[in-house]
Amino acid sequence: MADSTPSSHVPRRRSVNVRIPVLDPADPEGPTVDMVGTLDIPPGVPRHLSGPTPPIAIAAHCFTCNRRSPGVARISTALAERGIACLRVDFPGLGDSGGEFHRTTLSSNAANIVSAARWLEANYRPPRLLIGHSLGGSAVMRAAMELASITTVATIGAPFDPSHAAVTIADIVGIMVRNPNIQAVQLPGRGVKIGRALLEDLPRHNSPEVLRQLGERGVNLLLLHSPKDLIVPFRDARRLWDAAYQPASLISLPEVDHLLTGRKAGRRVGDLIATWAEPLL
């Protein structure tokens, strides 16, 4: 007999917006700014995660994106529907968060993820899984070094060398090289400025050293990448996999693009991450 229970009675995933105070990277002694996030909660789990608490993840969006970007939003909601609560945040200066983007760096983004993890620990429970899309993948790997609770890290389209991001904004880099006194340049069509601090910080991220430290701690690593990626080439995923401590997992996704713009792309990636992570959390 078919289930006649009204659909309104079926538990559904819910989403709660939160505000997390973080330091301004340009003024660490000054007032904090609010980093806004959305906590996607699995079906049937109370809003405040009371009772048996599900595993919790943090998802970091791609360069100049935000928590509502199709990739990270669909990954996060897919995880919630699979029983893993997920917090997706807007890095400062993007989306609904306070602050100025041109004052942020890869290092400050990693620190923001650490702050989000501390906030989760204080209000719910420590996260076990970090997920990062594109340059967000570099940020979560770096953040994982400072978080003892993290046992699993998944990246999507992450660069081996974060300095590669500068190639995508070569015109802005050229302006700053020719004009040493310019500290920030408007990114056409995106409504944000790129700061000199970011460009100077990117080369400081040493992926082999980060992977060594994660490997020595026994952190499980999943790399997802499209061989058709036109922004970060697939060879970057192979280089990350070669540098990682084994076992590490690499999944090729020929059906998606770098930004996961396809309607089912983010959901598919989220399902793959959930399937991989569930026995490890």
C-alpha atoms as a PDB file:
ATOM      1  CA  MET A   1       0.000   0.000   0.000  1.00  0.00           C
ATOM      2  CA  ALA A   2       1.349   3.424  -0.906  1.00  0.00           C
ATOM      3  CA  ASP A   3       2.296   5.758   1.930  1.00  0.00           C
ATOM      4  CA  SER A   4      -0.535   8.270   2.272  1.00  0.00           C
ATOM      5  CA  THR A   5       1.222  10.432   4.857  1.00  0.00           C
ATOM      6  CA  PRO A   6       0.948  14.098   3.784  1.00  0.00           C
ATOM      7  CA  SER A   7       4.248  15.411   2.481  1.00  0.00           C
ATOM      8  CA  SER A   8       4.081  18.189   5.072  1.00  0.00           C
ATOM      9  CA  HIS A   9       4.594  15.545   7.790  1.00  0.00           C
ATOM     10  CA  VAL A  10       7.813  14.241   6.267  1.00  0.00           C
ATOM     11  CA  PRO A  11      10.844  15.680   8.102  1.00  0.00           C
ATOM     12  CA  ARG A  12      12.699  18.135   5.914  1.00  0.00           C
ATOM     13  CA  ARG A  13      16.111  19.656   5.940  1.00  0.00           C
ATOM     14  CA  ARG A  14      16.181  23.083   7.531  1.00  0.00           C
ATOM     15  CA  SER A  15      18.625  25.971   7.282  1.00  0.00           C
ATOM     16  CA  VAL A  16      19.512  28.478   9.988  1.00  0.00           C
ATOM     17  CA  ASN A  17      21.479  31.694   9.407  1.00  0.00           C
ATOM     18  CA  VAL A  18      24.161  32.512  11.974  1.00  0.00           C
ATOM     19  CA  ARG A  19      26.666  35.279  12.700  1.00  0.00           C
ATOM     20  CA  ILE A  20      30.214  34.493  13.792  1.00  0.00           C
ATOM     21  CA  PRO A  21      32.550  37.242  15.067  1.00  0.00           C
ATOM     22  CA  VAL A  22      35.959  37.161  13.370  1.00  0.00           C
ATOM     23  CA  LEU A  23      39.005  39.397  13.451  1.00  0.00           C
ATOM     24  CA  ASP A  24      39.697  41.984  10.769  1.00  0.00           C
ATOM     25  CA  PRO A  25      42.991  40.762   9.206  1.00  0.00           C
ATOM     26  CA  ALA A  26      44.153  44.342   8.672  1.00  0.00           C
ATOM     27  CA  ASP A  27      43.387  45.329  12.275  1.00  0.00           C
ATOM     28  CA  PRO A  28      43.632  42.240  14.527  1.00  0.00           C
ATOM     29  CA  GLU A  29      43.545  44.418  17.648  1.00  0.00           C
ATOM     30  CA  GLY A  30      40.419  46.257  16.522  1.00  0.00           C
ATOM     31  CA  PRO A  31      36.736  45.326  16.637  1.00  0.00           C
ATOM     32  CA  THR A  32      35.527  42.070  15.127  1.00  0.00           C
ATOM     33  CA  VAL A  33      33.356  41.824  12.031  1.00  0.00           C
ATOM     34  CA  ASP A  34      30.414  39.479  11.555  1.00  0.00           C
ATOM     35  CA  MET A  35      30.975  36.489   9.280  1.00  0.00           C
ATOM     36  CA  VAL A  36      27.538  35.295   8.192  1.00  0.00           C
ATOM     37  CA  GLY A  37      26.854  31.628   7.625  1.00  0.00           C
ATOM     38  CA  THR A  38      24.057  29.168   6.969  1.00  0.00           C
ATOM     39  CA  LEU A  39      23.867  25.959   8.975  1.00  0.00           C
ATOM     40  CA  ASP A  40      22.091  23.266   6.956  1.00  0.00           C
ATOM     41  CA  ILE A  41      20.528  20.791   9.386  1.00  0.00           C
ATOM     42  CA  PRO A  42      19.537  17.191   8.505  1.00  0.00           C
ATOM     43  CA  PRO A  43      15.852  16.212   8.373  1.00  0.00           C
ATOM     44  CA  GLY A  44      14.356  15.352  11.748  1.00  0.00           C
ATOM     45  CA  VAL A  45      17.156  17.043  13.706  1.00  0.00           C
ATOM     46  CA  PRO A  46      16.025  19.892  16.010  1.00  0.00           C
ATOM     47  CA  ARG A  47      16.981  23.440  15.075  1.00  0.00           C
ATOM     48  CA  HIS A  48      19.420  23.678  17.979  1.00  0.00           C
ATOM     49  CA  LEU A  49      20.882  20.206  17.283  1.00  0.00           C
ATOM     50  CA  SER A  50      19.721  18.989  20.683  1.00  0.00           C
ATOM     51  CA  GLY A  51      19.727  15.272  21.427  1.00  0.00           C
ATOM     52  CA  PRO A  52      22.025  12.997  19.409  1.00  0.00           C
ATOM     53  CA  THR A  53      23.991  15.504  17.360  1.00  0.00           C
ATOM     54  CA  PRO A  54      24.841  14.631  13.747  1.00  0.00           C
ATOM     55  CA  PRO A  55      28.398  14.994  12.442  1.00  0.00           C
ATOM     56  CA  ILE A  56      29.157  18.583  11.449  1.00  0.00           C
ATOM     57  CA  ALA A  57      31.098  19.887   8.443  1.00  0.00           C
ATOM     58  CA  ILE A  58      32.209  23.333   7.277  1.00  0.00           C
ATOM     59  CA  ALA A  59      32.128  24.227   3.574  1.00  0.00           C
ATOM     60  CA  ALA A  60      34.237  27.049   2.099  1.00  0.00           C
ATOM     61  CA  HIS A  61      33.218  28.693  -1.168  1.00  0.00           C
ATOM     62  CA  CYS A  62      35.381  29.493  -4.191  1.00  0.00           C
ATOM     63  CA  PHE A  63      37.359  32.679  -4.910  1.00  0.00           C
ATOM     64  CA  THR A  64      35.116  35.813  -4.745  1.00  0.00           C
ATOM     65  CA  CYS A  65      32.017  33.590  -4.457  1.00  0.00           C
ATOM     66  CA  ASN A  66      29.720  33.331  -1.426  1.00  0.00           C
ATOM     67  CA  ARG A  67      27.738  30.788   0.571  1.00  0.00           C
ATOM     68  CA  ARG A  68      24.811  30.970  -1.872  1.00  0.00           C
ATOM     69  CA  SER A  69      26.941  30.075  -4.902  1.00  0.00           C
ATOM     70  CA  PRO A  70      25.467  26.975  -6.586  1.00  0.00           C
ATOM     71  CA  GLY A  71      28.452  24.750  -5.876  1.00  0.00           C
ATOM     72  CA  VAL A  72      28.886  25.177  -2.132  1.00  0.00           C
ATOM     73  CA  ALA A  73      25.160  25.663  -1.427  1.00  0.00           C
ATOM     74  CA  ARG A  74      24.143  22.433  -3.153  1.00  0.00           C
ATOM     75  CA  ILE A  75      27.031  20.498  -1.628  1.00  0.00           C
ATOM     76  CA  SER A  76      26.021  21.668   1.835  1.00  0.00           C
ATOM     77  CA  THR A  77      22.330  20.860   1.445  1.00  0.00           C
ATOM     78  CA  ALA A  78      23.155  17.458  -0.066  1.00  0.00           C
ATOM     79  CA  LEU A  79      25.266  16.650   2.983  1.00  0.00           C
ATOM     80  CA  ALA A  80      22.428  17.695   5.295  1.00  0.00           C
ATOM     81  CA  GLU A  81      20.026  15.419   3.460  1.00  0.00           C
ATOM     82  CA  ARG A  82      22.529  12.600   4.013  1.00  0.00           C
ATOM     83  CA  GLY A  83      22.661  13.229   7.762  1.00  0.00           C
ATOM     84  CA  ILE A  84      25.695  15.538   8.002  1.00  0.00           C
ATOM     85  CA  ALA A  85      25.028  19.067   9.264  1.00  0.00           C
ATOM     86  CA  CYS A  86      27.030  21.611   7.284  1.00  0.00           C
ATOM     87  CA  LEU A  87      27.942  25.240   7.931  1.00  0.00           C
ATOM     88  CA  ARG A  88      28.663  27.315   4.813  1.00  0.00           C
ATOM     89  CA  VAL A  89      29.984  30.810   5.371  1.00  0.00           C
ATOM     90  CA  ASP A  90      30.558  34.053   3.485  1.00  0.00           C
ATOM     91  CA  PHE A  91      34.181  35.046   3.912  1.00  0.00           C
ATOM     92  CA  PRO A  92      34.501  38.671   5.141  1.00  0.00           C
ATOM     93  CA  GLY A  93      33.767  41.245   2.464  1.00  0.00           C
ATOM     94  CA  LEU A  94      31.617  38.814   0.456  1.00  0.00           C
ATOM     95  CA  GLY A  95      27.920  37.959   0.520  1.00  0.00           C
ATOM     96  CA  ASP A  96      26.293  39.148   3.731  1.00  0.00           C
ATOM     97  CA  SER A  97      29.444  39.247   5.862  1.00  0.00           C
ATOM     98  CA  GLY A  98      30.997  42.420   7.173  1.00  0.00           C
ATOM     99  CA  GLY A  99      34.499  43.583   6.398  1.00  0.00           C
ATOM    100  CA  GLU A 100      36.284  44.489   3.176  1.00  0.00           C
ATOM    101  CA  PHE A 101      37.357  41.765   0.786  1.00  0.00           C
ATOM    102  CA  HIS A 102      40.508  43.546  -0.371  1.00  0.00           C
ATOM    103  CA  ARG A 103      41.861  43.302   3.175  1.00  0.00           C
ATOM    104  CA  THR A 104      41.519  39.513   3.260  1.00  0.00           C
ATOM    105  CA  THR A 105      44.053  36.847   2.305  1.00  0.00           C
ATOM    106  CA  LEU A 106      44.241  33.086   1.995  1.00  0.00           C
ATOM    107  CA  SER A 107      45.730  33.042   5.489  1.00  0.00           C
ATOM    108  CA  SER A 108      42.864  35.113   6.897  1.00  0.00           C
ATOM    109  CA  ASN A 109      40.333  32.848   5.161  1.00  0.00           C
ATOM    110  CA  ALA A 110      41.960  29.849   6.857  1.00  0.00           C
ATOM    111  CA  ALA A 111      41.761  31.718  10.173  1.00  0.00           C
ATOM    112  CA  ASN A 112      38.065  32.424   9.495  1.00  0.00           C
ATOM    113  CA  ILE A 113      37.448  28.691   9.069  1.00  0.00           C
ATOM    114  CA  VAL A 114      39.215  28.041  12.364  1.00  0.00           C
ATOM    115  CA  SER A 115      36.980  30.684  13.981  1.00  0.00           C
ATOM    116  CA  ALA A 116      33.893  29.007  12.514  1.00  0.00           C
ATOM    117  CA  ALA A 117      35.050  25.661  13.909  1.00  0.00           C
ATOM    118  CA  ARG A 118      35.589  27.183  17.370  1.00  0.00           C
ATOM    119  CA  TRP A 119      32.109  28.730  17.176  1.00  0.00           C
ATOM    120  CA  LEU A 120      30.579  25.357  16.308  1.00  0.00           C
ATOM    121  CA  GLU A 121      32.453  23.734  19.176  1.00  0.00           C
ATOM    122  CA  ALA A 122      31.155  26.360  21.616  1.00  0.00           C
ATOM    123  CA  ASN A 123      27.552  26.209  20.392  1.00  0.00           C
ATOM    124  CA  TYR A 124      27.048  22.666  19.079  1.00  0.00           C
ATOM    125  CA  ARG A 125      29.969  20.275  18.725  1.00  0.00           C
ATOM    126  CA  PRO A 126      33.376  20.364  16.975  1.00  0.00           C
ATOM    127  CA  PRO A 127      33.300  19.800  13.210  1.00  0.00           C
ATOM    128  CA  ARG A 128      34.901  16.640  11.843  1.00  0.00           C
ATOM    129  CA  LEU A 129      34.900  17.431   8.114  1.00  0.00           C
ATOM    130  CA  LEU A 130      36.145  20.449   6.123  1.00  0.00           C
ATOM    131  CA  ILE A 131      35.174  20.992   2.484  1.00  0.00           C
ATOM    132  CA  GLY A 132      36.648  23.610   0.181  1.00  0.00           C
ATOM    133  CA  HIS A 133      35.853  24.610  -3.401  1.00  0.00           C
ATOM    134  CA  SER A 134      38.708  25.922  -5.576  1.00  0.00           C
ATOM    135  CA  LEU A 135      40.816  28.352  -3.511  1.00  0.00           C
ATOM    136  CA  GLY A 136      38.534  27.472  -0.617  1.00  0.00           C
ATOM    137  CA  GLY A 137      40.136  24.030  -0.811  1.00  0.00           C
ATOM    138  CA  SER A 138      43.541  25.553  -0.110  1.00  0.00           C
ATOM    139  CA  ALA A 139      42.035  27.441   2.831  1.00  0.00           C
ATOM    140  CA  VAL A 140      40.449  24.373   4.442  1.00  0.00           C
ATOM    141  CA  MET A 141      43.638  22.321   4.120  1.00  0.00           C
ATOM    142  CA  ARG A 142      45.514  25.074   5.892  1.00  0.00           C
ATOM    143  CA  ALA A 143      42.824  25.441   8.563  1.00  0.00           C
ATOM    144  CA  ALA A 144      42.780  21.693   9.204  1.00  0.00           C
ATOM    145  CA  MET A 145      46.352  21.895  10.494  1.00  0.00           C
ATOM    146  CA  GLU A 146      45.072  23.907  13.465  1.00  0.00           C
ATOM    147  CA  LEU A 147      41.956  21.890  14.279  1.00  0.00           C
ATOM    148  CA  ALA A 148      42.443  18.675  16.230  1.00  0.00           C
ATOM    149  CA  SER A 149      38.804  17.661  15.689  1.00  0.00           C
ATOM    150  CA  ILE A 150      39.162  17.447  11.904  1.00  0.00           C
ATOM    151  CA  THR A 151      39.523  13.886  10.637  1.00  0.00           C
ATOM    152  CA  THR A 152      38.488  14.383   7.014  1.00  0.00           C
ATOM    153  CA  VAL A 153      39.118  17.030   4.341  1.00  0.00           C
ATOM    154  CA  ALA A 154      37.556  17.172   0.876  1.00  0.00           C
ATOM    155  CA  THR A 155      38.496  19.619  -1.880  1.00  0.00           C
ATOM    156  CA  ILE A 156      36.859  20.344  -5.224  1.00  0.00           C
ATOM    157  CA  GLY A 157      38.911  21.865  -8.043  1.00  0.00           C
ATOM    158  CA  ALA A 158      41.645  22.989  -5.648  1.00  0.00           C
ATOM    159  CA  PRO A 159      44.957  24.319  -7.021  1.00  0.00           C
ATOM    160  CA  PHE A 160      48.270  22.718  -6.129  1.00  0.00           C
ATOM    161  CA  ASP A 161      49.838  26.166  -6.063  1.00  0.00           C
ATOM    162  CA  PRO A 162      47.356  28.804  -4.840  1.00  0.00           C
ATOM    163  CA  SER A 163      49.411  31.445  -6.658  1.00  0.00           C
ATOM    164  CA  HIS A 164      47.691  30.059  -9.748  1.00  0.00           C
ATOM    165  CA  ALA A 165      44.704  32.199  -8.758  1.00  0.00           C
ATOM    166  CA  ALA A 166      46.711  35.243  -9.814  1.00  0.00           C
ATOM    167  CA  VAL A 167      46.731  33.929 -13.391  1.00  0.00           C
ATOM    168  CA  THR A 168      42.963  34.376 -13.550  1.00  0.00           C
ATOM    169  CA  ILE A 169      43.317  38.062 -12.644  1.00  0.00           C
ATOM    170  CA  ALA A 170      46.449  38.808 -14.657  1.00  0.00           C
ATOM    171  CA  ASP A 171      45.278  42.321 -15.593  1.00  0.00           C
ATOM    172  CA  ILE A 172      44.938  43.277 -11.923  1.00  0.00           C
ATOM    173  CA  VAL A 173      48.321  41.783 -11.092  1.00  0.00           C
ATOM    174  CA  GLY A 174      49.838  43.792 -13.933  1.00  0.00           C
ATOM    175  CA  ILE A 175      48.364  47.037 -12.607  1.00  0.00           C
ATOM    176  CA  MET A 176      49.819  46.398  -9.160  1.00  0.00           C
ATOM    177  CA  VAL A 177      53.229  45.441 -10.533  1.00  0.00           C
ATOM    178  CA  ARG A 178      53.385  48.663 -12.531  1.00  0.00           C
ATOM    179  CA  ASN A 179      52.061  50.772  -9.644  1.00  0.00           C
ATOM    180  CA  PRO A 180      53.643  49.676  -6.341  1.00  0.00           C
ATOM    181  CA  ASN A 181      51.632  52.232  -4.358  1.00  0.00           C
ATOM    182  CA  ILE A 182      48.260  50.813  -5.398  1.00  0.00           C
ATOM    183  CA  GLN A 183      46.927  48.537  -2.655  1.00  0.00           C
ATOM    184  CA  ALA A 184      43.664  47.364  -4.248  1.00  0.00           C
ATOM    185  CA  VAL A 185      42.096  47.170  -7.712  1.00  0.00           C
ATOM    186  CA  GLN A 186      38.436  46.682  -8.650  1.00  0.00           C
ATOM    187  CA  LEU A 187      37.634  43.258 -10.107  1.00  0.00           C
ATOM    188  CA  PRO A 188      35.469  43.942 -13.191  1.00  0.00           C
ATOM    189  CA  GLY A 189      31.947  42.613 -12.964  1.00  0.00           C
ATOM    190  CA  ARG A 190      32.279  41.209  -9.433  1.00  0.00           C
ATOM    191  CA  GLY A 191      31.725  44.232  -7.192  1.00  0.00           C
ATOM    192  CA  VAL A 192      34.841  43.582  -5.098  1.00  0.00           C
ATOM    193  CA  LYS A 193      38.416  44.806  -4.988  1.00  0.00           C
ATOM    194  CA  ILE A 194      41.465  42.547  -5.047  1.00  0.00           C
ATOM    195  CA  GLY A 195      44.067  43.592  -2.501  1.00  0.00           C
ATOM    196  CA  ARG A 196      47.834  43.497  -2.741  1.00  0.00           C
ATOM    197  CA  ALA A 197      47.862  41.613   0.567  1.00  0.00           C
ATOM    198  CA  LEU A 198      46.149  38.629  -1.060  1.00  0.00           C
ATOM    199  CA  LEU A 199      48.617  38.453  -3.935  1.00  0.00           C
ATOM    200  CA  GLU A 200      51.547  38.644  -1.531  1.00  0.00           C
ATOM    201  CA  ASP A 201      50.068  35.961   0.710  1.00  0.00           C
ATOM    202  CA  LEU A 202      49.255  33.321  -1.919  1.00  0.00           C
ATOM    203  CA  PRO A 203      52.866  32.158  -2.494  1.00  0.00           C
ATOM    204  CA  ARG A 204      53.242  31.494   1.244  1.00  0.00           C
ATOM    205  CA  HIS A 205      50.930  28.490   1.021  1.00  0.00           C
ATOM    206  CA  ASN A 206      53.114  25.389   0.636  1.00  0.00           C
ATOM    207  CA  SER A 207      50.822  22.524  -0.367  1.00  0.00           C
ATOM    208  CA  PRO A 208      53.384  19.702   0.124  1.00  0.00           C
ATOM    209  CA  GLU A 209      54.140  20.911   3.663  1.00  0.00           C
ATOM    210  CA  VAL A 210      50.440  21.271   4.477  1.00  0.00           C
ATOM    211  CA  LEU A 211      49.747  17.770   3.162  1.00  0.00           C
ATOM    212  CA  ARG A 212      52.693  16.389   5.135  1.00  0.00           C
ATOM    213  CA  GLN A 213      51.315  17.776   8.374  1.00  0.00           C
ATOM    214  CA  LEU A 214      47.813  16.519   7.650  1.00  0.00           C
ATOM    215  CA  GLY A 215      49.169  13.103   6.717  1.00  0.00           C
ATOM    216  CA  GLU A 216      51.182  12.803   9.905  1.00  0.00           C
ATOM    217  CA  ARG A 217      47.987  13.490  11.854  1.00  0.00           C
ATOM    218  CA  GLY A 218      46.126  10.813   9.928  1.00  0.00           C
ATOM    219  CA  VAL A 219      43.641  13.207   8.315  1.00  0.00           C
ATOM    220  CA  ASN A 220      41.721  11.519   5.483  1.00  0.00           C
ATOM    221  CA  LEU A 221      41.850  13.408   2.171  1.00  0.00           C
ATOM    222  CA  LEU A 222      39.473  13.388  -0.792  1.00  0.00           C
ATOM    223  CA  LEU A 223      40.301  15.302  -3.975  1.00  0.00           C
ATOM    224  CA  LEU A 224      37.528  15.861  -6.532  1.00  0.00           C
ATOM    225  CA  HIS A 225      38.412  17.483  -9.849  1.00  0.00           C
ATOM    226  CA  SER A 226      37.109  17.692 -13.387  1.00  0.00           C
ATOM    227  CA  PRO A 227      39.502  16.697 -16.201  1.00  0.00           C
ATOM    228  CA  LYS A 228      37.670  19.353 -18.227  1.00  0.00           C
ATOM    229  CA  ASP A 229      38.357  22.123 -15.688  1.00  0.00           C
ATOM    230  CA  LEU A 230      39.370  25.226 -17.675  1.00  0.00           C
ATOM    231  CA  ILE A 231      40.431  27.268 -14.632  1.00  0.00           C
ATOM    232  CA  VAL A 232      42.453  24.877 -12.466  1.00  0.00           C
ATOM    233  CA  PRO A 233      43.890  22.048 -14.597  1.00  0.00           C
ATOM    234  CA  PHE A 234      43.388  18.422 -13.584  1.00  0.00           C
ATOM    235  CA  ARG A 235      47.134  17.977 -13.211  1.00  0.00           C
ATOM    236  CA  ASP A 236      46.868  20.037 -10.017  1.00  0.00           C
ATOM    237  CA  ALA A 237      44.729  17.279  -8.493  1.00  0.00           C
ATOM    238  CA  ARG A 238      47.299  14.674  -9.515  1.00  0.00           C
ATOM    239  CA  ARG A 239      50.089  16.727  -7.951  1.00  0.00           C
ATOM    240  CA  LEU A 240      48.120  17.084  -4.719  1.00  0.00           C
ATOM    241  CA  TRP A 241      47.437  13.345  -4.702  1.00  0.00           C
ATOM    242  CA  ASP A 242      51.111  12.548  -5.325  1.00  0.00           C
ATOM    243  CA  ALA A 243      52.142  14.823  -2.438  1.00  0.00           C
ATOM    244  CA  ALA A 244      49.504  13.493  -0.025  1.00  0.00           C
ATOM    245  CA  TYR A 245      50.099  10.735   2.475  1.00  0.00           C
ATOM    246  CA  GLN A 246      48.314   7.565   1.424  1.00  0.00           C
ATOM    247  CA  PRO A 247      45.624   6.459   1.525  1.00  0.00           C
ATOM    248  CA  ALA A 248      44.195   9.512  -0.207  1.00  0.00           C
ATOM    249  CA  SER A 249      41.336   9.435  -2.689  1.00  0.00           C
ATOM    250  CA  LEU A 250      41.041  11.159  -6.073  1.00  0.00           C
ATOM    251  CA  ILE A 251      37.758  11.233  -7.987  1.00  0.00           C
ATOM    252  CA  SER A 252      37.581  12.478 -11.573  1.00  0.00           C
ATOM    253  CA  LEU A 253      34.390  14.355 -12.453  1.00  0.00           C
ATOM    254  CA  PRO A 254      34.285  14.762 -16.252  1.00  0.00           C
ATOM    255  CA  GLU A 255      30.625  15.821 -16.161  1.00  0.00           C
ATOM    256  CA  VAL A 256      31.130  19.067 -14.187  1.00  0.00           C
ATOM    257  CA  ASP A 257      32.843  22.418 -14.737  1.00  0.00           C
ATOM    258  CA  HIS A 258      35.081  24.287 -12.306  1.00  0.00           C
ATOM    259  CA  LEU A 259      32.289  26.355 -10.753  1.00  0.00           C
ATOM    260  CA  LEU A 260      29.814  23.442 -10.546  1.00  0.00           C
ATOM    261  CA  THR A 261      27.234  25.490 -12.421  1.00  0.00           C
ATOM    262  CA  GLY A 262      25.280  22.501 -13.739  1.00  0.00           C
ATOM    263  CA  ARG A 263      21.949  21.992 -11.988  1.00  0.00           C
ATOM    264  CA  LYS A 264      22.942  18.585 -10.605  1.00  0.00           C
ATOM    265  CA  ALA A 265      26.689  19.177 -10.240  1.00  0.00           C
ATOM    266  CA  GLY A 266      26.771  20.402  -6.646  1.00  0.00           C
ATOM    267  CA  ARG A 267      24.323  17.735  -5.501  1.00  0.00           C
ATOM    268  CA  ARG A 268      26.408  14.998  -7.117  1.00  0.00           C
ATOM    269  CA  VAL A 269      29.588  16.276  -5.472  1.00  0.00           C
ATOM    270  CA  GLY A 270      27.825  16.497  -2.111  1.00  0.00           C
ATOM    271  CA  ASP A 271      26.567  12.929  -2.414  1.00  0.00           C
ATOM    272  CA  LEU A 272      30.052  11.675  -3.312  1.00  0.00           C
ATOM    273  CA  ILE A 273      31.587  13.462  -0.327  1.00  0.00           C
ATOM    274  CA  ALA A 274      28.908  12.072   1.998  1.00  0.00           C
ATOM    275  CA  THR A 275      29.412   8.512   0.742  1.00  0.00           C
ATOM    276  CA  TRP A 276      33.174   8.803   1.236  1.00  0.00           C
ATOM    277  CA  ALA A 277      33.017  10.560   4.604  1.00  0.00           C
ATOM    278  CA  GLU A 278      30.223   8.655   6.369  1.00  0.00           C
ATOM    279  CA  PRO A 279      32.365   5.693   7.543  1.00  0.00           C
ATOM    280  CA  LEU A 280      35.152   8.073   8.604  1.00  0.00           C
ATOM    281  CA  LEU A 281      33.109  10.459  10.759  1.00  0.00           C
END
